[in-house]
Amino acid sequence: MSSKPTCHLIRPENSYEGKQGLSYFTGIAAETVGSIGICM
């Protein structure tokens, strides 16, 4: 990995309710912040 680590703040704009009644929000993904891995 050649890029320098950075921090991105994700604020969900949209949410939706799944089939089991749970709410889902935008999260960390390649589409939102260009992530290739995550460490929690």
C-alpha atoms as a PDB file:
ATOM      1  CA  MET A   1       0.000   0.000   0.000  1.00  0.00           C
ATOM      2  CA  SER A   2       1.562   3.234  -1.119  1.00  0.00           C
ATOM      3  CA  SER A   3      -1.008   5.794   0.051  1.00  0.00           C
ATOM      4  CA  LYS A   4      -0.810   7.577   3.377  1.00  0.00           C
ATOM      5  CA  PRO A   5      -3.525   6.573   5.912  1.00  0.00           C
ATOM      6  CA  THR A   6      -6.325   9.115   6.276  1.00  0.00           C
ATOM      7  CA  CYS A   7      -9.523   9.455   8.251  1.00  0.00           C
ATOM      8  CA  HIS A   8     -12.958  10.017   6.677  1.00  0.00           C
ATOM      9  CA  LEU A   9     -16.150  11.008   8.467  1.00  0.00           C
ATOM     10  CA  ILE A  10     -19.258   9.221   7.175  1.00  0.00           C
ATOM     11  CA  ARG A  11     -22.627  10.864   7.792  1.00  0.00           C
ATOM     12  CA  PRO A  12     -25.463   8.736   6.452  1.00  0.00           C
ATOM     13  CA  GLU A  13     -27.761  10.668   4.117  1.00  0.00           C
ATOM     14  CA  ASN A  14     -30.169   7.850   3.369  1.00  0.00           C
ATOM     15  CA  SER A  15     -31.507   4.914   5.304  1.00  0.00           C
ATOM     16  CA  TYR A  16     -33.892   2.120   4.499  1.00  0.00           C
ATOM     17  CA  GLU A  17     -35.789  -0.558   6.375  1.00  0.00           C
ATOM     18  CA  GLY A  18     -34.920  -4.157   5.587  1.00  0.00           C
ATOM     19  CA  LYS A  19     -37.324  -7.095   5.342  1.00  0.00           C
ATOM     20  CA  GLN A  20     -36.854  -7.947   9.036  1.00  0.00           C
ATOM     21  CA  GLY A  21     -37.595  -4.381  10.163  1.00  0.00           C
ATOM     22  CA  LEU A  22     -33.975  -3.318  10.791  1.00  0.00           C
ATOM     23  CA  SER A  23     -32.792   0.129   9.683  1.00  0.00           C
ATOM     24  CA  TYR A  24     -29.755   0.287   7.398  1.00  0.00           C
ATOM     25  CA  PHE A  25     -27.521   3.309   6.758  1.00  0.00           C
ATOM     26  CA  THR A  26     -24.665   4.254   4.417  1.00  0.00           C
ATOM     27  CA  GLY A  27     -21.367   2.969   5.803  1.00  0.00           C
ATOM     28  CA  ILE A  28     -17.721   2.396   5.002  1.00  0.00           C
ATOM     29  CA  ALA A  29     -17.186   0.960   1.519  1.00  0.00           C
ATOM     30  CA  ALA A  30     -15.070   1.435  -1.568  1.00  0.00           C
ATOM     31  CA  GLU A  31     -17.952   3.471  -3.024  1.00  0.00           C
ATOM     32  CA  THR A  32     -18.141   5.947  -0.108  1.00  0.00           C
ATOM     33  CA  VAL A  33     -14.488   6.493   0.858  1.00  0.00           C
ATOM     34  CA  GLY A  34     -12.406   4.281  -1.431  1.00  0.00           C
ATOM     35  CA  SER A  35     -11.681   1.768   1.330  1.00  0.00           C
ATOM     36  CA  ILE A  36      -9.740  -1.400   0.591  1.00  0.00           C
ATOM     37  CA  GLY A  37      -9.683  -2.748   4.149  1.00  0.00           C
ATOM     38  CA  ILE A  38     -10.917  -1.888   7.624  1.00  0.00           C
ATOM     39  CA  CYS A  39      -9.506  -2.390  11.099  1.00  0.00           C
ATOM     40  CA  MET A  40     -11.840  -2.007  14.054  1.00  0.00           C
END
